[in-house]
Amino acid sequence: MEKKNESVDPEEETLVEEAKNTEAETLEEEKEKEEIFEAEEKPSRRKEEEEKFVEERIYTVPLRRAWNVPAKKRAPKAMRMIKAFVQKHMKVGVEPVDEDEEEEGDRVIIKNEVNQKIWSHGREKPPRKVRIRVAKDEEGNVNVFLA
């Protein structure tokens, strides 16, 4: 076994390294351009949601009656009260009796931020009242946000 004694010119090494570096830089630049292009193409989801709202209102929902139930059932009761309040004030149809028959639209969608606000002090101590922003979209769905 003989080792081949290859001598590499230092100038050639630097040229090869420079070529590799420029290729890597061009690839990074192309990736950045693609990311910018993709970001420009996709409108944000939040803008789409806000644009298609037909009606929007702000309410203060009293939750004091949630405190008339046993302690372990107060936060779930408060969530049901919010849903009932929104259905009443935004004139949303009631849920279908059969699970097989689903109506299009007419749904109350309570966002996670409202849920977190109600459950922030635990199951036994929901807030006495909560301020919400309610928005109805074109399909009849009602979204509930924190005000």
N, C-alpha and C. Protein backbone atom coordinates (compact mmCIF):
# COMPACT_ATOMS: atom_id res chain seq x y z
N MET A 1 0.82 -1.18 0.00
CA MET A 1 0.00 0.00 0.00
C MET A 1 0.87 1.24 0.00
N GLU A 2 0.78 1.87 -1.07
CA GLU A 2 1.54 3.10 -1.18
C GLU A 2 0.61 4.29 -1.10
N LYS A 3 1.03 5.27 -0.37
CA LYS A 3 0.25 6.50 -0.30
C LYS A 3 0.70 7.39 -1.42
N LYS A 4 -0.29 7.92 -2.07
CA LYS A 4 0.04 8.86 -3.13
C LYS A 4 0.33 10.19 -2.49
N ASN A 5 1.38 10.73 -2.86
CA ASN A 5 1.79 12.00 -2.28
C ASN A 5 1.29 13.11 -3.20
N GLU A 6 0.10 13.55 -2.90
CA GLU A 6 -0.49 14.60 -3.73
C GLU A 6 -0.22 15.93 -3.06
N SER A 7 0.37 16.77 -3.78
CA SER A 7 0.58 18.11 -3.24
C SER A 7 -0.45 19.04 -3.86
N VAL A 8 -1.15 19.74 -2.98
CA VAL A 8 -2.20 20.65 -3.42
C VAL A 8 -1.68 22.06 -3.27
N ASP A 9 -1.86 22.79 -4.29
CA ASP A 9 -1.41 24.18 -4.31
C ASP A 9 -2.27 25.00 -3.34
N PRO A 10 -1.70 25.81 -2.44
CA PRO A 10 -2.49 26.61 -1.50
C PRO A 10 -3.42 27.60 -2.20
N GLU A 11 -3.03 28.07 -3.35
CA GLU A 11 -3.89 29.00 -4.08
C GLU A 11 -5.15 28.30 -4.56
N GLU A 12 -5.00 27.04 -5.00
CA GLU A 12 -6.16 26.27 -5.44
C GLU A 12 -7.13 26.03 -4.28
N GLU A 13 -6.58 25.75 -3.10
CA GLU A 13 -7.43 25.53 -1.92
C GLU A 13 -8.26 26.77 -1.61
N THR A 14 -7.62 27.93 -1.66
CA THR A 14 -8.36 29.16 -1.36
C THR A 14 -9.42 29.43 -2.41
N LEU A 15 -9.14 29.13 -3.66
CA LEU A 15 -10.14 29.33 -4.72
C LEU A 15 -11.33 28.39 -4.52
N VAL A 16 -11.06 27.15 -4.15
CA VAL A 16 -12.13 26.18 -3.92
C VAL A 16 -12.98 26.62 -2.73
N GLU A 17 -12.34 27.07 -1.65
CA GLU A 17 -13.08 27.52 -0.46
C GLU A 17 -13.93 28.74 -0.77
N GLU A 18 -13.38 29.68 -1.55
CA GLU A 18 -14.14 30.87 -1.92
C GLU A 18 -15.36 30.50 -2.76
N ALA A 19 -15.19 29.55 -3.66
CA ALA A 19 -16.31 29.11 -4.49
C ALA A 19 -17.39 28.48 -3.63
N LYS A 20 -17.00 27.66 -2.65
CA LYS A 20 -17.98 27.04 -1.75
C LYS A 20 -18.71 28.10 -0.93
N ASN A 21 -17.96 29.10 -0.45
CA ASN A 21 -18.57 30.17 0.35
C ASN A 21 -19.57 30.98 -0.47
N THR A 22 -19.22 31.30 -1.72
CA THR A 22 -20.14 32.08 -2.55
C THR A 22 -21.39 31.27 -2.88
N GLU A 23 -21.23 29.96 -3.10
CA GLU A 23 -22.41 29.11 -3.36
C GLU A 23 -23.31 29.09 -2.13
N ALA A 24 -22.72 28.96 -0.95
CA ALA A 24 -23.51 28.93 0.28
C ALA A 24 -24.23 30.27 0.48
N GLU A 25 -23.55 31.38 0.20
CA GLU A 25 -24.16 32.69 0.36
C GLU A 25 -25.32 32.87 -0.62
N THR A 26 -25.15 32.44 -1.86
CA THR A 26 -26.24 32.58 -2.83
C THR A 26 -27.43 31.72 -2.44
N LEU A 27 -27.18 30.53 -1.91
CA LEU A 27 -28.28 29.67 -1.45
C LEU A 27 -29.03 30.33 -0.30
N GLU A 28 -28.30 30.93 0.64
CA GLU A 28 -28.94 31.62 1.76
C GLU A 28 -29.74 32.81 1.28
N GLU A 29 -29.20 33.56 0.33
CA GLU A 29 -29.92 34.71 -0.21
C GLU A 29 -31.20 34.27 -0.91
N GLU A 30 -31.14 33.17 -1.66
CA GLU A 30 -32.33 32.67 -2.34
C GLU A 30 -33.39 32.23 -1.33
N LYS A 31 -32.96 31.57 -0.25
CA LYS A 31 -33.91 31.15 0.78
C LYS A 31 -34.58 32.34 1.42
N GLU A 32 -33.79 33.38 1.71
CA GLU A 32 -34.36 34.59 2.31
C GLU A 32 -35.36 35.25 1.37
N LYS A 33 -35.04 35.30 0.08
CA LYS A 33 -35.96 35.88 -0.90
C LYS A 33 -37.25 35.08 -0.96
N GLU A 34 -37.15 33.75 -0.93
CA GLU A 34 -38.34 32.90 -0.96
C GLU A 34 -39.19 33.13 0.28
N GLU A 35 -38.55 33.24 1.44
CA GLU A 35 -39.31 33.49 2.67
C GLU A 35 -40.03 34.82 2.61
N ILE A 36 -39.36 35.85 2.10
CA ILE A 36 -39.98 37.17 1.98
C ILE A 36 -41.13 37.10 1.00
N PHE A 37 -40.94 36.41 -0.12
CA PHE A 37 -41.98 36.28 -1.13
C PHE A 37 -43.19 35.55 -0.57
N GLU A 38 -42.95 34.45 0.18
CA GLU A 38 -44.05 33.70 0.79
C GLU A 38 -44.79 34.55 1.81
N ALA A 39 -44.05 35.34 2.58
CA ALA A 39 -44.68 36.19 3.59
C ALA A 39 -45.55 37.25 2.92
N GLU A 40 -45.13 37.76 1.77
CA GLU A 40 -45.93 38.76 1.07
C GLU A 40 -47.17 38.14 0.46
N GLU A 41 -47.07 36.90 0.00
CA GLU A 41 -48.20 36.24 -0.64
C GLU A 41 -49.34 35.95 0.33
N LYS A 42 -49.01 35.46 1.51
CA LYS A 42 -50.02 35.01 2.46
C LYS A 42 -50.49 36.18 3.31
N PRO A 43 -51.74 36.61 3.17
CA PRO A 43 -52.24 37.63 4.09
C PRO A 43 -52.46 36.99 5.45
N SER A 44 -52.30 37.77 6.48
CA SER A 44 -52.41 37.20 7.81
C SER A 44 -53.83 36.73 8.07
N ARG A 45 -53.96 35.70 8.86
CA ARG A 45 -55.25 35.11 9.16
C ARG A 45 -56.13 36.08 9.94
N ARG A 46 -55.52 36.85 10.79
CA ARG A 46 -56.26 37.80 11.61
C ARG A 46 -56.94 38.85 10.75
N LYS A 47 -56.24 39.34 9.71
CA LYS A 47 -56.83 40.33 8.82
C LYS A 47 -58.04 39.75 8.11
N GLU A 48 -57.92 38.50 7.64
CA GLU A 48 -59.03 37.86 6.95
C GLU A 48 -60.24 37.75 7.87
N GLU A 49 -60.02 37.38 9.13
CA GLU A 49 -61.12 37.24 10.07
C GLU A 49 -61.82 38.58 10.30
N GLU A 50 -61.03 39.64 10.47
CA GLU A 50 -61.61 40.93 10.78
C GLU A 50 -62.34 41.50 9.58
N GLU A 51 -61.89 41.22 8.37
CA GLU A 51 -62.52 41.77 7.19
C GLU A 51 -63.90 41.18 6.95
N LYS A 52 -64.10 39.92 7.27
CA LYS A 52 -65.36 39.28 6.93
C LYS A 52 -66.43 39.39 8.03
N PHE A 53 -66.17 40.17 9.09
CA PHE A 53 -67.17 40.35 10.13
C PHE A 53 -68.24 41.32 9.64
N VAL A 54 -69.50 40.94 9.87
CA VAL A 54 -70.62 41.76 9.46
C VAL A 54 -71.03 42.70 10.59
N GLU A 55 -71.05 42.17 11.81
CA GLU A 55 -71.53 42.92 12.95
C GLU A 55 -70.61 42.68 14.13
N GLU A 56 -70.33 43.73 14.89
CA GLU A 56 -69.42 43.60 16.02
C GLU A 56 -69.94 44.45 17.18
N ARG A 57 -69.96 43.87 18.38
CA ARG A 57 -70.44 44.56 19.57
C ARG A 57 -69.56 44.24 20.76
N ILE A 58 -69.63 45.11 21.77
CA ILE A 58 -68.90 44.88 23.01
C ILE A 58 -69.93 44.80 24.14
N TYR A 59 -69.82 43.75 24.94
CA TYR A 59 -70.74 43.52 26.06
C TYR A 59 -69.96 43.30 27.35
N THR A 60 -70.63 43.60 28.47
CA THR A 60 -70.14 43.20 29.78
C THR A 60 -71.12 42.13 30.28
N VAL A 61 -70.63 40.93 30.44
CA VAL A 61 -71.49 39.80 30.82
C VAL A 61 -71.43 39.62 32.33
N PRO A 62 -72.57 39.76 33.02
CA PRO A 62 -72.58 39.52 34.47
C PRO A 62 -72.55 38.01 34.75
N LEU A 63 -71.64 37.60 35.59
CA LEU A 63 -71.50 36.17 35.91
C LEU A 63 -71.79 35.87 37.38
N ARG A 64 -72.47 36.78 38.06
CA ARG A 64 -72.69 36.59 39.49
C ARG A 64 -73.53 35.35 39.80
N ARG A 65 -74.40 34.96 38.88
CA ARG A 65 -75.22 33.77 39.14
C ARG A 65 -74.41 32.48 39.06
N ALA A 66 -73.24 32.55 38.49
CA ALA A 66 -72.37 31.37 38.48
C ALA A 66 -71.91 31.03 39.90
N TRP A 67 -71.97 32.02 40.78
CA TRP A 67 -71.55 31.80 42.17
C TRP A 67 -72.65 31.15 43.01
N ASN A 68 -73.83 30.91 42.44
CA ASN A 68 -74.93 30.27 43.17
C ASN A 68 -74.90 28.75 43.03
N VAL A 69 -73.90 28.22 42.35
CA VAL A 69 -73.78 26.77 42.19
C VAL A 69 -72.62 26.29 43.05
N PRO A 70 -72.49 24.99 43.27
CA PRO A 70 -71.37 24.49 44.06
C PRO A 70 -70.02 24.95 43.50
N ALA A 71 -69.05 25.09 44.37
CA ALA A 71 -67.76 25.69 44.02
C ALA A 71 -67.09 25.02 42.83
N LYS A 72 -67.14 23.71 42.75
CA LYS A 72 -66.45 22.98 41.69
C LYS A 72 -67.12 23.14 40.32
N LYS A 73 -68.30 23.73 40.28
CA LYS A 73 -69.03 23.86 39.01
C LYS A 73 -69.13 25.30 38.53
N ARG A 74 -68.43 26.23 39.18
CA ARG A 74 -68.60 27.65 38.87
C ARG A 74 -68.02 28.06 37.52
N ALA A 75 -66.80 27.68 37.21
CA ALA A 75 -66.20 28.08 35.93
C ALA A 75 -66.93 27.46 34.74
N PRO A 76 -67.29 26.17 34.79
CA PRO A 76 -68.07 25.63 33.68
C PRO A 76 -69.42 26.33 33.52
N LYS A 77 -70.04 26.67 34.63
CA LYS A 77 -71.32 27.39 34.59
C LYS A 77 -71.13 28.77 33.96
N ALA A 78 -70.03 29.45 34.30
CA ALA A 78 -69.74 30.76 33.73
C ALA A 78 -69.57 30.67 32.22
N MET A 79 -68.92 29.63 31.73
CA MET A 79 -68.76 29.45 30.28
C MET A 79 -70.11 29.22 29.60
N ARG A 80 -70.97 28.43 30.22
CA ARG A 80 -72.30 28.22 29.66
C ARG A 80 -73.11 29.51 29.66
N MET A 81 -72.92 30.32 30.71
CA MET A 81 -73.64 31.60 30.79
C MET A 81 -73.18 32.55 29.68
N ILE A 82 -71.90 32.58 29.40
CA ILE A 82 -71.39 33.44 28.32
C ILE A 82 -71.99 33.01 26.99
N LYS A 83 -72.02 31.71 26.75
CA LYS A 83 -72.56 31.21 25.49
C LYS A 83 -74.05 31.54 25.36
N ALA A 84 -74.80 31.35 26.44
CA ALA A 84 -76.23 31.66 26.41
C ALA A 84 -76.46 33.16 26.21
N PHE A 85 -75.65 33.99 26.86
CA PHE A 85 -75.75 35.45 26.72
C PHE A 85 -75.53 35.87 25.27
N VAL A 86 -74.50 35.31 24.65
CA VAL A 86 -74.18 35.66 23.27
C VAL A 86 -75.28 35.18 22.33
N GLN A 87 -75.79 33.97 22.55
CA GLN A 87 -76.88 33.46 21.70
C GLN A 87 -78.10 34.37 21.78
N LYS A 88 -78.40 34.84 22.97
CA LYS A 88 -79.58 35.68 23.17
C LYS A 88 -79.39 37.06 22.52
N HIS A 89 -78.26 37.69 22.76
CA HIS A 89 -78.06 39.07 22.32
C HIS A 89 -77.67 39.19 20.85
N MET A 90 -77.08 38.16 20.28
CA MET A 90 -76.70 38.21 18.86
C MET A 90 -77.70 37.46 17.99
N LYS A 91 -78.79 36.99 18.58
CA LYS A 91 -79.86 36.29 17.87
C LYS A 91 -79.34 35.10 17.05
N VAL A 92 -78.60 34.26 17.74
CA VAL A 92 -78.05 33.05 17.12
C VAL A 92 -79.00 31.91 17.39
N GLY A 93 -79.27 31.08 16.38
CA GLY A 93 -80.15 29.94 16.55
C GLY A 93 -79.58 28.95 17.55
N VAL A 94 -80.45 28.19 18.17
CA VAL A 94 -79.99 27.19 19.14
C VAL A 94 -79.36 26.03 18.40
N GLU A 95 -78.56 25.25 19.11
CA GLU A 95 -77.87 24.10 18.53
C GLU A 95 -78.91 23.04 18.10
N PRO A 96 -78.63 22.28 17.04
CA PRO A 96 -79.56 21.22 16.62
C PRO A 96 -79.65 20.12 17.68
N VAL A 97 -80.84 19.53 17.81
CA VAL A 97 -81.07 18.49 18.82
C VAL A 97 -80.30 17.23 18.45
N ASP A 98 -80.39 16.79 17.19
CA ASP A 98 -79.70 15.59 16.74
C ASP A 98 -78.28 15.94 16.32
N GLU A 99 -77.35 15.07 16.68
CA GLU A 99 -75.96 15.30 16.28
C GLU A 99 -75.76 15.04 14.80
N ASP A 100 -76.64 14.21 14.20
CA ASP A 100 -76.52 13.90 12.78
C ASP A 100 -76.85 15.11 11.91
N GLU A 101 -77.81 15.91 12.35
CA GLU A 101 -78.23 17.09 11.59
C GLU A 101 -77.42 18.30 12.05
N GLU A 102 -76.47 18.68 11.22
CA GLU A 102 -75.68 19.86 11.56
C GLU A 102 -76.09 21.00 10.67
N GLU A 103 -76.40 22.14 11.27
CA GLU A 103 -76.76 23.32 10.50
C GLU A 103 -75.50 24.04 10.09
N GLU A 104 -75.56 24.69 8.94
CA GLU A 104 -74.45 25.51 8.50
C GLU A 104 -74.57 26.86 9.20
N GLY A 105 -73.47 27.35 9.75
CA GLY A 105 -73.47 28.65 10.42
C GLY A 105 -74.17 28.59 11.76
N ASP A 106 -74.51 29.76 12.27
CA ASP A 106 -75.20 29.90 13.56
C ASP A 106 -74.50 29.16 14.68
N ARG A 107 -73.19 29.37 14.81
CA ARG A 107 -72.43 28.76 15.89
C ARG A 107 -71.79 29.85 16.73
N VAL A 108 -71.66 29.58 18.02
CA VAL A 108 -70.95 30.48 18.92
C VAL A 108 -69.57 29.89 19.15
N ILE A 109 -68.53 30.65 18.79
CA ILE A 109 -67.14 30.19 18.94
C ILE A 109 -66.48 31.06 19.99
N ILE A 110 -66.22 30.47 21.15
CA ILE A 110 -65.57 31.21 22.24
C ILE A 110 -64.07 30.99 22.11
N LYS A 111 -63.34 32.08 21.94
CA LYS A 111 -61.90 32.00 21.73
C LYS A 111 -61.19 31.61 23.03
N ASN A 112 -59.99 31.10 22.87
CA ASN A 112 -59.21 30.58 23.99
C ASN A 112 -58.90 31.65 25.03
N GLU A 113 -58.71 32.90 24.61
CA GLU A 113 -58.38 33.96 25.57
C GLU A 113 -59.52 34.20 26.56
N VAL A 114 -60.76 34.05 26.11
CA VAL A 114 -61.91 34.20 27.01
C VAL A 114 -61.93 33.04 28.01
N ASN A 115 -61.70 31.85 27.50
CA ASN A 115 -61.66 30.66 28.35
C ASN A 115 -60.58 30.80 29.42
N GLN A 116 -59.41 31.28 29.02
CA GLN A 116 -58.32 31.44 29.98
C GLN A 116 -58.66 32.49 31.03
N LYS A 117 -59.35 33.54 30.64
CA LYS A 117 -59.76 34.59 31.59
C LYS A 117 -60.71 34.01 32.63
N ILE A 118 -61.69 33.22 32.20
CA ILE A 118 -62.67 32.63 33.13
C ILE A 118 -61.98 31.66 34.08
N TRP A 119 -61.07 30.86 33.57
CA TRP A 119 -60.42 29.84 34.37
C TRP A 119 -59.14 30.34 35.05
N SER A 120 -58.81 31.63 34.95
CA SER A 120 -57.53 32.15 35.44
C SER A 120 -57.34 31.94 36.95
N HIS A 121 -58.39 32.02 37.73
CA HIS A 121 -58.27 31.81 39.19
C HIS A 121 -58.76 30.43 39.60
N GLY A 122 -58.89 29.56 38.63
CA GLY A 122 -59.29 28.19 38.93
C GLY A 122 -60.77 27.96 38.72
N ARG A 123 -61.15 26.75 38.98
CA ARG A 123 -62.53 26.31 38.77
C ARG A 123 -63.50 26.94 39.76
N GLU A 124 -63.05 27.23 40.97
CA GLU A 124 -63.94 27.68 42.03
C GLU A 124 -64.15 29.18 42.08
N LYS A 125 -63.29 29.97 41.40
CA LYS A 125 -63.38 31.42 41.53
C LYS A 125 -63.33 32.14 40.17
N PRO A 126 -64.38 32.00 39.36
CA PRO A 126 -64.40 32.76 38.11
C PRO A 126 -64.67 34.23 38.41
N PRO A 127 -64.41 35.13 37.46
CA PRO A 127 -64.69 36.54 37.70
C PRO A 127 -66.19 36.80 37.84
N ARG A 128 -66.55 37.90 38.50
CA ARG A 128 -67.96 38.25 38.69
C ARG A 128 -68.58 38.79 37.41
N LYS A 129 -67.76 39.38 36.56
CA LYS A 129 -68.23 39.84 35.25
C LYS A 129 -67.04 39.86 34.30
N VAL A 130 -67.34 39.82 33.01
CA VAL A 130 -66.28 39.80 32.01
C VAL A 130 -66.72 40.66 30.82
N ARG A 131 -65.76 41.41 30.27
CA ARG A 131 -66.04 42.27 29.13
C ARG A 131 -65.57 41.55 27.87
N ILE A 132 -66.49 41.39 26.91
CA ILE A 132 -66.19 40.63 25.70
C ILE A 132 -66.52 41.45 24.45
N ARG A 133 -65.86 41.07 23.36
CA ARG A 133 -66.16 41.63 22.04
C ARG A 133 -66.73 40.49 21.22
N VAL A 134 -67.91 40.72 20.66
CA VAL A 134 -68.62 39.69 19.92
C VAL A 134 -68.71 40.12 18.47
N ALA A 135 -68.32 39.25 17.55
CA ALA A 135 -68.34 39.58 16.13
C ALA A 135 -69.04 38.47 15.35
N LYS A 136 -69.98 38.88 14.51
CA LYS A 136 -70.73 37.94 13.68
C LYS A 136 -70.19 38.01 12.26
N ASP A 137 -69.89 36.84 11.66
CA ASP A 137 -69.36 36.85 10.30
C ASP A 137 -70.46 36.59 9.28
N GLU A 138 -70.07 36.51 8.02
CA GLU A 138 -71.03 36.38 6.93
C GLU A 138 -71.83 35.08 6.98
N GLU A 139 -71.21 34.02 7.48
CA GLU A 139 -71.89 32.72 7.52
C GLU A 139 -72.83 32.57 8.72
N GLY A 140 -72.84 33.54 9.61
CA GLY A 140 -73.70 33.47 10.78
C GLY A 140 -72.98 32.97 12.02
N ASN A 141 -71.70 32.65 11.91
CA ASN A 141 -70.93 32.22 13.08
C ASN A 141 -70.62 33.45 13.93
N VAL A 142 -70.64 33.26 15.25
CA VAL A 142 -70.36 34.34 16.18
C VAL A 142 -69.08 34.01 16.95
N ASN A 143 -68.10 34.91 16.87
CA ASN A 143 -66.83 34.73 17.58
C ASN A 143 -66.82 35.63 18.81
N VAL A 144 -66.37 35.08 19.93
CA VAL A 144 -66.30 35.82 21.19
C VAL A 144 -64.85 36.02 21.56
N PHE A 145 -64.44 37.30 21.66
CA PHE A 145 -63.08 37.67 22.02
C PHE A 145 -63.12 38.44 23.34
N LEU A 146 -61.96 38.59 23.99
CA LEU A 146 -61.87 39.50 25.13
C LEU A 146 -61.85 40.93 24.60
N ALA A 147 -62.52 41.84 25.28
CA ALA A 147 -62.51 43.25 24.86
C ALA A 147 -61.26 43.93 25.34
